[in-house]
Every structure is written in structure tokens, then in C-alpha cells.
Amino acid sequence: MKALLGVLEAWEVTKDGFEEPEDYAGYTAAQNKALKETRSMDKTALYVLFRAVDESGFEKIISSTTSK
């Protein structure tokens, strides 16, 4: 799984975790772009994890909102 997420460039966000900021109204365009990319990587990793586990494993992670 680490190798697959690494190829998708989503391993770091999975390892380190991702927290959605409470307020990002004052973010610059570069910060908004970085946030969007990080959010996308996290959702990609979560999707891959959902697809990789069997039914009993899926039941354990179904309520997850982040890949960590």
C-alpha cells in the first residue's frame, strides 16, 4: 500500500495526516492551491484504501474522513 500511495504521491499526506482548516478566507492564491492539492491527495489515498480492503476491513474504515 505504501508503494501504491507513493506512486500516486499520496503517501506523505497519509503518513502525516490532513486536517481541514477551520478558516482559510485569508489564504493567498498559492496557499489555496496547496490546500486544494493536499485535499485531493488525501481523498485519492482514502479512495485507494477503500478499494483495497475486503468487506470486513471496509466496515472498519467506512466512517473515515481522512486517509490517516
N, C-alpha and C. Protein backbone atom coordinates (compact mmCIF):
# COMPACT_ATOMS: atom_id res chain seq x y z
N MET A 1 0.83 -1.19 0.00
CA MET A 1 0.00 0.00 0.00
C MET A 1 0.87 1.25 0.00
N LYS A 2 1.98 1.21 0.77
CA LYS A 2 2.88 2.35 0.80
C LYS A 2 3.42 2.65 -0.59
N ALA A 3 3.77 1.62 -1.33
CA ALA A 3 4.30 1.81 -2.68
C ALA A 3 3.23 2.40 -3.61
N LEU A 4 2.03 1.89 -3.53
CA LEU A 4 0.94 2.39 -4.38
C LEU A 4 0.64 3.85 -4.07
N LEU A 5 0.52 4.18 -2.79
CA LEU A 5 0.25 5.56 -2.41
C LEU A 5 1.44 6.46 -2.75
N GLY A 6 2.65 5.91 -2.70
CA GLY A 6 3.82 6.68 -3.09
C GLY A 6 3.80 7.03 -4.56
N VAL A 7 3.41 6.09 -5.41
CA VAL A 7 3.30 6.35 -6.84
C VAL A 7 2.25 7.43 -7.11
N LEU A 8 1.19 7.41 -6.36
CA LEU A 8 0.12 8.41 -6.52
C LEU A 8 0.44 9.73 -5.82
N GLU A 9 1.64 9.80 -5.23
CA GLU A 9 2.09 10.98 -4.48
C GLU A 9 1.14 11.32 -3.33
N ALA A 10 0.61 10.29 -2.70
CA ALA A 10 -0.34 10.48 -1.61
C ALA A 10 0.16 9.87 -0.30
N TRP A 11 1.37 9.31 -0.30
CA TRP A 11 1.86 8.65 0.91
C TRP A 11 2.12 9.67 2.02
N GLU A 12 2.76 10.78 1.70
CA GLU A 12 3.11 11.76 2.73
C GLU A 12 1.88 12.28 3.47
N VAL A 13 0.83 12.59 2.73
CA VAL A 13 -0.37 13.10 3.38
C VAL A 13 -1.04 12.01 4.21
N THR A 14 -0.90 10.76 3.79
CA THR A 14 -1.45 9.65 4.56
C THR A 14 -0.65 9.46 5.85
N LYS A 15 0.66 9.51 5.73
CA LYS A 15 1.53 9.32 6.88
C LYS A 15 1.40 10.47 7.88
N ASP A 16 1.41 11.69 7.38
CA ASP A 16 1.40 12.87 8.25
C ASP A 16 0.01 13.29 8.68
N GLY A 17 -0.99 12.93 7.89
CA GLY A 17 -2.36 13.32 8.19
C GLY A 17 -2.73 14.64 7.54
N PHE A 18 -4.02 14.89 7.46
CA PHE A 18 -4.53 16.12 6.87
C PHE A 18 -5.71 16.59 7.69
N GLU A 19 -5.64 17.84 8.12
CA GLU A 19 -6.75 18.45 8.83
C GLU A 19 -7.27 19.62 8.01
N GLU A 20 -8.54 19.60 7.74
CA GLU A 20 -9.16 20.70 7.01
C GLU A 20 -9.10 21.94 7.89
N PRO A 21 -8.56 23.05 7.37
CA PRO A 21 -8.50 24.27 8.19
C PRO A 21 -9.90 24.81 8.49
N GLU A 22 -10.04 25.40 9.66
CA GLU A 22 -11.32 25.98 10.06
C GLU A 22 -11.68 27.17 9.17
N ASP A 23 -10.70 28.06 8.99
CA ASP A 23 -10.96 29.27 8.22
C ASP A 23 -9.78 29.52 7.29
N TYR A 24 -10.05 29.53 6.02
CA TYR A 24 -8.98 29.79 5.06
C TYR A 24 -9.33 30.98 4.17
N ALA A 25 -10.11 31.90 4.72
CA ALA A 25 -10.54 33.08 3.97
C ALA A 25 -9.37 33.99 3.61
N GLY A 26 -8.36 34.07 4.47
CA GLY A 26 -7.24 34.97 4.22
C GLY A 26 -6.07 34.33 3.49
N TYR A 27 -6.27 33.13 2.95
CA TYR A 27 -5.19 32.43 2.26
C TYR A 27 -4.86 33.12 0.93
N THR A 28 -3.59 33.06 0.58
CA THR A 28 -3.17 33.57 -0.72
C THR A 28 -3.54 32.55 -1.79
N ALA A 29 -3.38 32.93 -3.04
CA ALA A 29 -3.69 32.01 -4.15
C ALA A 29 -2.80 30.77 -4.07
N ALA A 30 -1.54 30.96 -3.71
CA ALA A 30 -0.62 29.82 -3.60
C ALA A 30 -1.02 28.89 -2.45
N GLN A 31 -1.45 29.46 -1.35
CA GLN A 31 -1.90 28.65 -0.21
C GLN A 31 -3.18 27.89 -0.56
N ASN A 32 -4.09 28.54 -1.27
CA ASN A 32 -5.32 27.87 -1.70
C ASN A 32 -5.01 26.72 -2.65
N LYS A 33 -4.06 26.93 -3.55
CA LYS A 33 -3.67 25.87 -4.48
C LYS A 33 -3.05 24.70 -3.73
N ALA A 34 -2.17 24.98 -2.76
CA ALA A 34 -1.55 23.92 -1.97
C ALA A 34 -2.60 23.16 -1.16
N LEU A 35 -3.55 23.88 -0.59
CA LEU A 35 -4.62 23.26 0.17
C LEU A 35 -5.45 22.34 -0.72
N LYS A 36 -5.78 22.80 -1.91
CA LYS A 36 -6.57 22.01 -2.85
C LYS A 36 -5.81 20.74 -3.26
N GLU A 37 -4.52 20.87 -3.51
CA GLU A 37 -3.71 19.71 -3.89
C GLU A 37 -3.60 18.70 -2.75
N THR A 38 -3.39 19.21 -1.54
CA THR A 38 -3.29 18.32 -0.38
C THR A 38 -4.61 17.61 -0.12
N ARG A 39 -5.70 18.36 -0.22
CA ARG A 39 -7.04 17.77 -0.05
C ARG A 39 -7.28 16.68 -1.09
N SER A 40 -6.88 16.94 -2.32
CA SER A 40 -7.04 15.98 -3.41
C SER A 40 -6.21 14.72 -3.17
N MET A 41 -4.97 14.89 -2.72
CA MET A 41 -4.12 13.74 -2.42
C MET A 41 -4.72 12.90 -1.30
N ASP A 42 -5.25 13.57 -0.27
CA ASP A 42 -5.85 12.84 0.85
C ASP A 42 -7.07 12.05 0.39
N LYS A 43 -7.92 12.65 -0.42
CA LYS A 43 -9.11 11.94 -0.90
C LYS A 43 -8.74 10.80 -1.85
N THR A 44 -7.69 10.99 -2.64
CA THR A 44 -7.20 9.91 -3.51
C THR A 44 -6.73 8.73 -2.67
N ALA A 45 -5.96 9.02 -1.63
CA ALA A 45 -5.47 7.96 -0.76
C ALA A 45 -6.62 7.25 -0.05
N LEU A 46 -7.59 8.00 0.41
CA LEU A 46 -8.74 7.40 1.08
C LEU A 46 -9.51 6.49 0.12
N TYR A 47 -9.68 6.93 -1.10
CA TYR A 47 -10.35 6.12 -2.11
C TYR A 47 -9.59 4.81 -2.37
N VAL A 48 -8.28 4.90 -2.50
CA VAL A 48 -7.46 3.71 -2.74
C VAL A 48 -7.58 2.75 -1.56
N LEU A 49 -7.56 3.28 -0.36
CA LEU A 49 -7.72 2.42 0.82
C LEU A 49 -9.08 1.75 0.84
N PHE A 50 -10.13 2.50 0.51
CA PHE A 50 -11.47 1.92 0.46
C PHE A 50 -11.52 0.77 -0.54
N ARG A 51 -10.89 0.96 -1.69
CA ARG A 51 -10.91 -0.06 -2.74
C ARG A 51 -10.05 -1.27 -2.42
N ALA A 52 -9.04 -1.10 -1.57
CA ALA A 52 -8.06 -2.16 -1.33
C ALA A 52 -8.48 -3.18 -0.27
N VAL A 53 -9.37 -2.79 0.62
CA VAL A 53 -9.72 -3.68 1.72
C VAL A 53 -10.92 -4.56 1.37
N ASP A 54 -11.01 -5.68 2.08
CA ASP A 54 -12.16 -6.56 1.87
C ASP A 54 -13.36 -6.01 2.66
N GLU A 55 -14.45 -6.72 2.61
CA GLU A 55 -15.70 -6.24 3.20
C GLU A 55 -15.58 -5.99 4.71
N SER A 56 -14.94 -6.90 5.43
CA SER A 56 -14.82 -6.72 6.88
C SER A 56 -13.91 -5.53 7.21
N GLY A 57 -12.85 -5.34 6.43
CA GLY A 57 -11.98 -4.19 6.63
C GLY A 57 -12.68 -2.90 6.27
N PHE A 58 -13.49 -2.95 5.22
CA PHE A 58 -14.21 -1.76 4.78
C PHE A 58 -15.18 -1.29 5.86
N GLU A 59 -15.82 -2.22 6.54
CA GLU A 59 -16.75 -1.85 7.60
C GLU A 59 -16.04 -1.10 8.72
N LYS A 60 -14.75 -1.38 8.92
CA LYS A 60 -13.99 -0.71 9.97
C LYS A 60 -13.58 0.71 9.58
N ILE A 61 -13.43 0.97 8.29
CA ILE A 61 -12.92 2.28 7.86
C ILE A 61 -13.96 3.14 7.15
N ILE A 62 -15.16 2.66 7.02
CA ILE A 62 -16.19 3.37 6.24
C ILE A 62 -16.45 4.78 6.77
N SER A 63 -16.31 5.00 8.06
CA SER A 63 -16.61 6.32 8.61
C SER A 63 -15.41 7.26 8.58
N SER A 64 -14.29 6.82 8.05
CA SER A 64 -13.09 7.66 7.97
C SER A 64 -13.32 8.83 7.02
N THR A 65 -12.79 9.98 7.42
CA THR A 65 -12.90 11.16 6.56
C THR A 65 -11.55 11.57 5.99
N THR A 66 -10.46 11.01 6.54
CA THR A 66 -9.14 11.26 6.01
C THR A 66 -8.41 9.94 5.86
N SER A 67 -7.33 9.96 5.09
CA SER A 67 -6.60 8.72 4.83
C SER A 67 -5.78 8.25 6.03
N LYS A 68 -5.42 9.14 6.93
CA LYS A 68 -4.61 8.75 8.07
C LYS A 68 -5.41 7.86 8.99
